Amino acid sequence: MKRLSLCVAIVASLILFSLYGLHYSDEKSEQILREIHSVGEYSRSGDTNSALKSARNAKKLWLELSDSTVFVESTEADNEIKMSLSRIILLAKSENDDLYTECAVLQGLIEMYVQRQRPTVANIF
């Protein structure tokens, strides 16, 4: 009976931890996407300093999310997102029009990363 109780407690804690991790990554990803959207808006209005601030904040948020990921490791996606964030910072500094394209690319990368975190039948079994 003790073993059964212990197994149920372990499974329940894993499920709760997984749900918390999913919620955490969704929330951080939404914050990053809002910051990236702000970068484009500030850049369109000519506010380079605010665009840079939002880009740096997005990178900080991504690093927090990347560092707090425990079980799901996707180094390729992580590196690609970090490189895209670095390019966005450089493009915002130089006020380059490629900034909008890079922001769209980053949005797609983050959405794909979040989609890969979602539990499906294929990645559970």
Protein backbone atom coordinates (compact mmCIF):
# COMPACT_ATOMS: atom_id res chain seq x y z
CA MET A 1 0.00 0.00 0.00
CA LYS A 2 2.89 2.35 0.77
CA ARG A 3 4.40 1.73 -2.66
CA LEU A 4 1.12 2.43 -4.40
CA SER A 5 0.70 5.68 -2.47
CA LEU A 6 4.26 6.68 -3.26
CA CYS A 7 3.79 5.94 -6.98
CA VAL A 8 0.57 7.93 -7.09
CA ALA A 9 2.28 10.84 -5.33
CA ILE A 10 5.22 10.74 -7.77
CA VAL A 11 2.98 10.61 -10.84
CA ALA A 12 0.79 13.41 -9.50
CA SER A 13 3.81 15.60 -8.78
CA LEU A 14 5.20 14.97 -12.28
CA ILE A 15 1.89 15.91 -13.85
CA LEU A 16 1.63 19.09 -11.75
CA PHE A 17 5.23 20.04 -12.51
CA SER A 18 4.62 19.46 -16.23
CA LEU A 19 1.49 21.61 -16.24
CA TYR A 20 3.32 24.37 -14.38
CA GLY A 21 6.20 24.20 -16.88
CA LEU A 22 3.81 24.39 -19.81
CA HIS A 23 2.05 27.40 -18.31
CA TYR A 24 5.39 29.07 -17.50
CA SER A 25 6.75 28.62 -21.02
CA ASP A 26 3.50 29.87 -22.57
CA GLU A 27 3.51 32.95 -20.35
CA LYS A 28 7.18 33.80 -21.00
CA SER A 29 6.75 33.23 -24.73
CA GLU A 30 3.80 35.62 -24.83
CA GLN A 31 5.87 38.25 -23.01
CA ILE A 32 8.70 37.81 -25.52
CA LEU A 33 6.31 38.10 -28.47
CA ARG A 34 4.83 41.29 -26.99
CA GLU A 35 8.32 42.77 -26.62
CA ILE A 36 9.21 41.84 -30.21
CA HIS A 37 5.98 43.40 -31.43
CA SER A 38 6.95 46.54 -29.47
CA VAL A 39 10.35 46.57 -31.19
CA GLY A 40 8.64 46.81 -34.56
CA GLU A 41 6.21 49.46 -33.38
CA TYR A 42 8.92 51.61 -31.81
CA SER A 43 11.10 51.22 -34.89
CA ARG A 44 8.25 52.32 -37.18
CA SER A 45 7.73 55.42 -35.06
CA GLY A 46 11.47 56.20 -35.08
CA ASP A 47 12.06 55.59 -31.36
CA THR A 48 15.35 53.68 -31.59
CA ASN A 49 16.11 53.75 -27.86
CA SER A 50 12.76 52.18 -26.92
CA ALA A 51 13.15 49.60 -29.70
CA LEU A 52 16.57 48.64 -28.34
CA LYS A 53 15.22 48.47 -24.80
CA SER A 54 12.39 46.14 -25.88
CA ALA A 55 14.79 43.97 -27.89
CA ARG A 56 17.16 43.62 -24.94
CA ASN A 57 14.25 42.85 -22.63
CA ALA A 58 13.04 40.14 -25.05
CA LYS A 59 16.51 38.59 -25.02
CA LYS A 60 16.59 38.71 -21.21
CA LEU A 61 13.18 37.02 -21.05
CA TRP A 62 14.32 34.31 -23.47
CA LEU A 63 17.46 33.63 -21.45
CA GLU A 64 15.32 33.28 -18.31
CA LEU A 65 13.05 30.81 -20.10
CA SER A 66 15.97 28.92 -21.60
CA ASP A 67 17.79 28.67 -18.28
CA SER A 68 14.71 27.48 -16.40
CA THR A 69 13.87 24.69 -18.86
CA VAL A 70 14.48 21.44 -17.03
CA PHE A 71 13.33 18.45 -19.05
CA VAL A 72 12.74 19.63 -22.60
CA GLU A 73 16.02 20.56 -24.26
CA SER A 74 16.09 21.75 -27.83
CA THR A 75 19.53 23.24 -28.29
CA GLU A 76 19.04 23.89 -32.01
CA ALA A 77 15.89 25.95 -31.44
CA ASP A 78 17.45 27.67 -28.44
CA ASN A 79 20.53 28.71 -30.41
CA GLU A 80 18.48 29.86 -33.40
CA ILE A 81 16.26 32.02 -31.18
CA LYS A 82 19.29 33.50 -29.40
CA MET A 83 20.90 34.35 -32.75
CA SER A 84 17.67 35.89 -34.02
CA LEU A 85 17.38 38.03 -30.88
CA SER A 86 20.98 39.19 -31.32
CA ARG A 87 20.30 40.09 -34.96
CA ILE A 88 17.21 42.05 -33.90
CA ILE A 89 19.28 44.06 -31.43
CA LEU A 90 21.87 44.84 -34.12
CA LEU A 91 19.21 45.74 -36.69
CA ALA A 92 17.43 47.99 -34.19
CA LYS A 93 20.72 49.80 -33.49
CA SER A 94 21.36 50.38 -37.16
CA GLU A 95 17.70 51.19 -37.91
CA ASN A 96 17.73 48.63 -40.73
CA ASP A 97 14.48 47.72 -42.51
CA ASP A 98 15.37 44.01 -42.26
CA LEU A 99 14.31 44.33 -38.61
CA TYR A 100 10.67 43.64 -39.46
CA THR A 101 11.54 40.46 -41.33
CA GLU A 102 13.72 39.25 -38.49
CA CYS A 103 10.94 39.97 -35.99
CA ALA A 104 8.56 37.87 -38.10
CA VAL A 105 11.12 35.05 -38.25
CA LEU A 106 11.58 35.16 -34.49
CA GLN A 107 7.84 35.05 -33.93
CA GLY A 108 7.64 31.89 -36.03
CA LEU A 109 10.57 30.31 -34.18
CA ILE A 110 9.06 30.99 -30.77
CA GLU A 111 5.64 29.71 -31.82
CA MET A 112 7.28 26.53 -33.14
CA TYR A 113 9.24 26.14 -29.89
CA VAL A 114 6.08 26.48 -27.80
CA GLN A 115 4.22 24.04 -30.06
CA ARG A 116 6.96 21.46 -29.50
CA GLN A 117 6.51 21.83 -25.73
CA ARG A 118 2.85 20.85 -25.88
CA PRO A 119 2.05 17.31 -24.80
CA THR A 120 0.78 15.05 -27.57
CA VAL A 121 0.15 11.33 -27.76
CA ALA A 122 3.30 10.93 -29.84
CA ASN A 123 5.65 12.57 -27.33
CA ILE A 124 4.05 10.97 -24.26
CA PHE A 125 4.36 7.39 -25.42
